[in-house]
Amino acid sequence: MNEEKDFMYDEDEAVRFIRNYLPQEMKERFSDDDLIYFIDLISEYYESKGFFDGADDEVVEIDEDELVQYVVKNAARDDVGKLDAGDVTMIVQGELAYCESIHLFE
């Protein structure tokens, strides 16, 4: 991320935002540390796609399905366990909604 966008993205705020986004049953299954782990994987995905390297006027298009697959695959690599793709999708959608709320990719 560039410095300005780094400043805009607040991990604690993102966790609160995602937690509020999730249905109640998911809020109980995932800790704040779990959500931080997912945010880290999502950030790795953004970096691997060069979303933070481009010019500020470039439109960023995120393939949500590819992002979910990336998170599931890397969580398995890290021995986090088998994750439900539906749960990961909800977390990814919450993180994307947070990014949209702070205009991260605009």
N, C-alpha and C. Protein backbone atom coordinates (compact mmCIF):
# COMPACT_ATOMS: atom_id res chain seq x y z
N MET A 1 0.84 -1.17 0.00
CA MET A 1 0.00 0.00 0.00
C MET A 1 0.88 1.23 0.00
N ASN A 2 0.39 2.28 -0.64
CA ASN A 2 1.15 3.49 -0.51
C ASN A 2 0.87 4.10 0.85
N GLU A 3 1.68 5.10 1.26
CA GLU A 3 1.56 5.61 2.62
C GLU A 3 0.18 6.15 2.92
N GLU A 4 -0.41 6.88 1.98
CA GLU A 4 -1.73 7.46 2.20
C GLU A 4 -2.77 6.37 2.42
N LYS A 5 -2.73 5.32 1.61
CA LYS A 5 -3.70 4.24 1.74
C LYS A 5 -3.41 3.38 2.97
N ASP A 6 -2.13 3.24 3.34
CA ASP A 6 -1.79 2.55 4.58
C ASP A 6 -2.46 3.25 5.76
N PHE A 7 -2.42 4.56 5.73
CA PHE A 7 -2.98 5.34 6.82
C PHE A 7 -4.50 5.18 6.87
N MET A 8 -5.13 5.07 5.72
CA MET A 8 -6.58 4.93 5.66
C MET A 8 -7.04 3.60 6.22
N TYR A 9 -6.28 2.54 5.99
CA TYR A 9 -6.68 1.20 6.40
C TYR A 9 -6.28 0.98 7.85
N ASP A 10 -7.26 0.83 8.70
CA ASP A 10 -7.02 0.60 10.12
C ASP A 10 -7.48 -0.82 10.43
N GLU A 11 -6.54 -1.68 10.78
CA GLU A 11 -6.84 -3.09 10.99
C GLU A 11 -7.88 -3.30 12.10
N ASP A 12 -7.77 -2.54 13.18
CA ASP A 12 -8.74 -2.67 14.27
C ASP A 12 -10.14 -2.26 13.81
N GLU A 13 -10.18 -1.18 13.04
CA GLU A 13 -11.46 -0.72 12.49
C GLU A 13 -12.01 -1.76 11.50
N ALA A 14 -11.13 -2.35 10.71
CA ALA A 14 -11.56 -3.38 9.76
C ALA A 14 -12.16 -4.58 10.49
N VAL A 15 -11.52 -4.99 11.58
CA VAL A 15 -12.04 -6.12 12.37
C VAL A 15 -13.43 -5.78 12.90
N ARG A 16 -13.61 -4.59 13.45
CA ARG A 16 -14.93 -4.19 13.96
C ARG A 16 -15.96 -4.17 12.83
N PHE A 17 -15.56 -3.64 11.69
CA PHE A 17 -16.46 -3.55 10.54
C PHE A 17 -16.89 -4.95 10.09
N ILE A 18 -15.91 -5.84 9.92
CA ILE A 18 -16.21 -7.21 9.47
C ILE A 18 -17.08 -7.92 10.51
N ARG A 19 -16.75 -7.77 11.77
CA ARG A 19 -17.53 -8.42 12.83
C ARG A 19 -19.00 -7.96 12.75
N ASN A 20 -19.22 -6.68 12.52
CA ASN A 20 -20.59 -6.16 12.40
C ASN A 20 -21.26 -6.66 11.13
N TYR A 21 -20.48 -6.96 10.13
CA TYR A 21 -20.99 -7.43 8.84
C TYR A 21 -21.46 -8.89 8.91
N LEU A 22 -20.81 -9.68 9.76
CA LEU A 22 -21.07 -11.11 9.82
C LEU A 22 -22.39 -11.44 10.53
N PRO A 23 -23.04 -12.53 10.11
CA PRO A 23 -24.21 -13.00 10.84
C PRO A 23 -23.80 -13.45 12.25
N GLN A 24 -24.74 -13.42 13.18
CA GLN A 24 -24.45 -13.71 14.59
C GLN A 24 -23.72 -15.03 14.81
N GLU A 25 -24.14 -16.08 14.12
CA GLU A 25 -23.50 -17.39 14.35
C GLU A 25 -22.03 -17.38 13.94
N MET A 26 -21.68 -16.57 12.96
CA MET A 26 -20.27 -16.49 12.55
C MET A 26 -19.47 -15.63 13.54
N LYS A 27 -20.10 -14.62 14.10
CA LYS A 27 -19.41 -13.78 15.08
C LYS A 27 -18.91 -14.62 16.25
N GLU A 28 -19.68 -15.64 16.59
CA GLU A 28 -19.32 -16.49 17.72
C GLU A 28 -18.23 -17.50 17.36
N ARG A 29 -18.11 -17.85 16.09
CA ARG A 29 -17.12 -18.85 15.66
C ARG A 29 -15.74 -18.28 15.39
N PHE A 30 -15.67 -16.99 15.08
CA PHE A 30 -14.40 -16.39 14.69
C PHE A 30 -13.99 -15.30 15.68
N SER A 31 -12.78 -15.43 16.20
CA SER A 31 -12.24 -14.44 17.13
C SER A 31 -11.68 -13.26 16.34
N ASP A 32 -11.35 -12.19 17.05
CA ASP A 32 -10.69 -11.06 16.40
C ASP A 32 -9.36 -11.48 15.80
N ASP A 33 -8.64 -12.36 16.48
CA ASP A 33 -7.38 -12.86 15.93
C ASP A 33 -7.60 -13.63 14.63
N ASP A 34 -8.69 -14.40 14.56
CA ASP A 34 -9.02 -15.10 13.32
C ASP A 34 -9.25 -14.09 12.19
N LEU A 35 -9.99 -13.05 12.50
CA LEU A 35 -10.29 -12.04 11.47
C LEU A 35 -9.02 -11.32 11.03
N ILE A 36 -8.13 -11.04 11.95
CA ILE A 36 -6.85 -10.41 11.59
C ILE A 36 -6.06 -11.33 10.66
N TYR A 37 -6.07 -12.62 10.96
CA TYR A 37 -5.39 -13.59 10.10
C TYR A 37 -5.96 -13.52 8.68
N PHE A 38 -7.29 -13.50 8.56
CA PHE A 38 -7.92 -13.42 7.23
C PHE A 38 -7.59 -12.10 6.55
N ILE A 39 -7.59 -11.01 7.29
CA ILE A 39 -7.22 -9.70 6.72
C ILE A 39 -5.80 -9.75 6.18
N ASP A 40 -4.91 -10.41 6.91
CA ASP A 40 -3.52 -10.53 6.44
C ASP A 40 -3.45 -11.32 5.13
N LEU A 41 -4.20 -12.41 5.04
CA LEU A 41 -4.23 -13.18 3.79
C LEU A 41 -4.82 -12.37 2.65
N ILE A 42 -5.86 -11.64 2.93
CA ILE A 42 -6.48 -10.80 1.90
C ILE A 42 -5.49 -9.74 1.42
N SER A 43 -4.75 -9.15 2.35
CA SER A 43 -3.74 -8.15 1.98
C SER A 43 -2.64 -8.77 1.12
N GLU A 44 -2.24 -10.00 1.47
CA GLU A 44 -1.25 -10.71 0.65
C GLU A 44 -1.78 -10.88 -0.77
N TYR A 45 -3.04 -11.22 -0.90
CA TYR A 45 -3.65 -11.38 -2.22
C TYR A 45 -3.60 -10.06 -2.98
N TYR A 46 -3.99 -8.97 -2.33
CA TYR A 46 -3.96 -7.65 -2.99
C TYR A 46 -2.55 -7.34 -3.48
N GLU A 47 -1.57 -7.59 -2.62
CA GLU A 47 -0.18 -7.32 -2.99
C GLU A 47 0.28 -8.21 -4.14
N SER A 48 -0.12 -9.49 -4.12
CA SER A 48 0.29 -10.42 -5.19
C SER A 48 -0.30 -10.01 -6.53
N LYS A 49 -1.41 -9.32 -6.51
CA LYS A 49 -2.05 -8.84 -7.75
C LYS A 49 -1.58 -7.44 -8.14
N GLY A 50 -0.75 -6.82 -7.29
CA GLY A 50 -0.22 -5.50 -7.60
C GLY A 50 -1.22 -4.37 -7.43
N PHE A 51 -2.23 -4.60 -6.61
CA PHE A 51 -3.27 -3.58 -6.43
C PHE A 51 -2.75 -2.32 -5.76
N PHE A 52 -1.65 -2.42 -5.05
CA PHE A 52 -1.12 -1.25 -4.36
C PHE A 52 0.07 -0.64 -5.08
N ASP A 53 0.45 -1.24 -6.22
CA ASP A 53 1.62 -0.77 -6.95
C ASP A 53 1.27 0.20 -8.06
N GLY A 54 0.02 0.17 -8.50
CA GLY A 54 -0.37 0.94 -9.67
C GLY A 54 -0.60 2.40 -9.37
N ALA A 55 -0.90 3.10 -10.44
CA ALA A 55 -1.21 4.51 -10.33
C ALA A 55 -2.55 4.68 -9.62
N ASP A 56 -2.71 5.80 -8.95
CA ASP A 56 -3.92 6.05 -8.19
C ASP A 56 -5.18 6.13 -9.05
N ASP A 57 -5.02 6.39 -10.36
CA ASP A 57 -6.20 6.53 -11.21
C ASP A 57 -6.62 5.21 -11.86
N GLU A 58 -5.92 4.13 -11.57
CA GLU A 58 -6.29 2.84 -12.13
C GLU A 58 -7.49 2.25 -11.39
N VAL A 59 -8.38 1.63 -12.15
CA VAL A 59 -9.53 0.97 -11.56
C VAL A 59 -9.09 -0.44 -11.13
N VAL A 60 -9.39 -0.78 -9.89
CA VAL A 60 -9.03 -2.09 -9.36
C VAL A 60 -10.27 -2.96 -9.40
N GLU A 61 -10.14 -4.09 -10.07
CA GLU A 61 -11.24 -5.05 -10.13
C GLU A 61 -10.79 -6.32 -9.42
N ILE A 62 -11.53 -6.68 -8.40
CA ILE A 62 -11.17 -7.84 -7.58
C ILE A 62 -12.11 -8.99 -7.91
N ASP A 63 -11.51 -10.12 -8.24
CA ASP A 63 -12.27 -11.34 -8.49
C ASP A 63 -12.54 -11.99 -7.13
N GLU A 64 -13.75 -11.82 -6.64
CA GLU A 64 -14.09 -12.29 -5.30
C GLU A 64 -13.90 -13.80 -5.16
N ASP A 65 -14.29 -14.54 -6.17
CA ASP A 65 -14.14 -16.01 -6.11
C ASP A 65 -12.67 -16.40 -6.01
N GLU A 66 -11.83 -15.74 -6.81
CA GLU A 66 -10.39 -16.01 -6.77
C GLU A 66 -9.81 -15.65 -5.40
N LEU A 67 -10.27 -14.55 -4.84
CA LEU A 67 -9.81 -14.13 -3.52
C LEU A 67 -10.21 -15.14 -2.45
N VAL A 68 -11.43 -15.62 -2.50
CA VAL A 68 -11.89 -16.64 -1.54
C VAL A 68 -11.04 -17.90 -1.68
N GLN A 69 -10.80 -18.33 -2.91
CA GLN A 69 -9.97 -19.53 -3.13
C GLN A 69 -8.57 -19.32 -2.58
N TYR A 70 -8.02 -18.13 -2.77
CA TYR A 70 -6.69 -17.81 -2.26
C TYR A 70 -6.64 -17.94 -0.74
N VAL A 71 -7.64 -17.39 -0.07
CA VAL A 71 -7.69 -17.45 1.39
C VAL A 71 -7.82 -18.89 1.87
N VAL A 72 -8.74 -19.65 1.28
CA VAL A 72 -8.94 -21.04 1.67
C VAL A 72 -7.65 -21.85 1.47
N LYS A 73 -7.02 -21.68 0.30
CA LYS A 73 -5.80 -22.42 -0.02
C LYS A 73 -4.67 -22.09 0.95
N ASN A 74 -4.49 -20.82 1.24
CA ASN A 74 -3.39 -20.42 2.11
C ASN A 74 -3.66 -20.73 3.57
N ALA A 75 -4.91 -20.73 3.97
CA ALA A 75 -5.26 -21.15 5.33
C ALA A 75 -4.94 -22.63 5.50
N ALA A 76 -5.22 -23.41 4.47
CA ALA A 76 -4.88 -24.84 4.52
C ALA A 76 -3.37 -25.02 4.60
N ARG A 77 -2.64 -24.24 3.84
CA ARG A 77 -1.17 -24.28 3.86
C ARG A 77 -0.64 -23.98 5.26
N ASP A 78 -1.31 -23.06 5.95
CA ASP A 78 -0.89 -22.65 7.29
C ASP A 78 -1.46 -23.55 8.38
N ASP A 79 -2.08 -24.66 7.97
CA ASP A 79 -2.68 -25.62 8.91
C ASP A 79 -3.73 -24.99 9.82
N VAL A 80 -4.48 -24.06 9.28
CA VAL A 80 -5.57 -23.44 10.03
C VAL A 80 -6.75 -24.41 10.10
N GLY A 81 -6.77 -25.32 9.17
CA GLY A 81 -7.86 -26.29 9.13
C GLY A 81 -8.73 -26.06 7.92
N LYS A 82 -9.65 -26.96 7.74
CA LYS A 82 -10.55 -26.85 6.59
C LYS A 82 -11.59 -25.79 6.90
N LEU A 83 -11.66 -24.82 6.03
CA LEU A 83 -12.60 -23.72 6.22
C LEU A 83 -13.79 -23.89 5.28
N ASP A 84 -14.92 -23.48 5.75
CA ASP A 84 -16.11 -23.47 4.91
C ASP A 84 -16.01 -22.29 3.95
N ALA A 85 -16.12 -22.55 2.66
CA ALA A 85 -16.00 -21.49 1.65
C ALA A 85 -17.06 -20.41 1.86
N GLY A 86 -18.24 -20.80 2.36
CA GLY A 86 -19.29 -19.82 2.63
C GLY A 86 -18.88 -18.85 3.73
N ASP A 87 -18.23 -19.37 4.77
CA ASP A 87 -17.73 -18.50 5.85
C ASP A 87 -16.67 -17.55 5.32
N VAL A 88 -15.73 -18.10 4.54
CA VAL A 88 -14.66 -17.27 3.99
C VAL A 88 -15.25 -16.21 3.07
N THR A 89 -16.26 -16.58 2.30
CA THR A 89 -16.91 -15.62 1.40
C THR A 89 -17.49 -14.46 2.20
N MET A 90 -18.16 -14.77 3.31
CA MET A 90 -18.74 -13.70 4.14
C MET A 90 -17.66 -12.78 4.71
N ILE A 91 -16.54 -13.36 5.15
CA ILE A 91 -15.45 -12.55 5.69
C ILE A 91 -14.84 -11.69 4.59
N VAL A 92 -14.63 -12.27 3.42
CA VAL A 92 -14.07 -11.52 2.29
C VAL A 92 -15.03 -10.39 1.90
N GLN A 93 -16.31 -10.67 1.84
CA GLN A 93 -17.28 -9.63 1.50
C GLN A 93 -17.28 -8.50 2.54
N GLY A 94 -17.13 -8.88 3.80
CA GLY A 94 -17.04 -7.86 4.85
C GLY A 94 -15.80 -7.00 4.69
N GLU A 95 -14.68 -7.63 4.35
CA GLU A 95 -13.44 -6.87 4.16
C GLU A 95 -13.54 -5.97 2.94
N LEU A 96 -14.13 -6.48 1.86
CA LEU A 96 -14.32 -5.66 0.67
C LEU A 96 -15.25 -4.48 0.95
N ALA A 97 -16.28 -4.71 1.75
CA ALA A 97 -17.19 -3.63 2.13
C ALA A 97 -16.46 -2.58 2.96
N TYR A 98 -15.56 -3.04 3.83
CA TYR A 98 -14.75 -2.08 4.61
C TYR A 98 -13.88 -1.25 3.66
N CYS A 99 -13.21 -1.92 2.72
CA CYS A 99 -12.36 -1.19 1.75
C CYS A 99 -13.18 -0.16 0.98
N GLU A 100 -14.39 -0.56 0.60
CA GLU A 100 -15.27 0.36 -0.12
C GLU A 100 -15.65 1.54 0.77
N SER A 101 -15.90 1.28 2.05
CA SER A 101 -16.33 2.34 2.96
C SER A 101 -15.25 3.39 3.17
N ILE A 102 -13.99 3.00 3.03
CA ILE A 102 -12.89 3.98 3.19
C ILE A 102 -12.31 4.38 1.83
N HIS A 103 -12.97 3.94 0.75
CA HIS A 103 -12.56 4.30 -0.62
C HIS A 103 -11.11 3.91 -0.91
N LEU A 104 -10.73 2.71 -0.45
CA LEU A 104 -9.35 2.27 -0.57
C LEU A 104 -8.89 2.11 -2.02
N PHE A 105 -9.76 1.61 -2.87
CA PHE A 105 -9.36 1.33 -4.24
C PHE A 105 -9.85 2.38 -5.23
N GLU A 106 -10.23 3.52 -4.74
CA GLU A 106 -10.71 4.57 -5.66
C GLU A 106 -9.63 5.57 -5.91
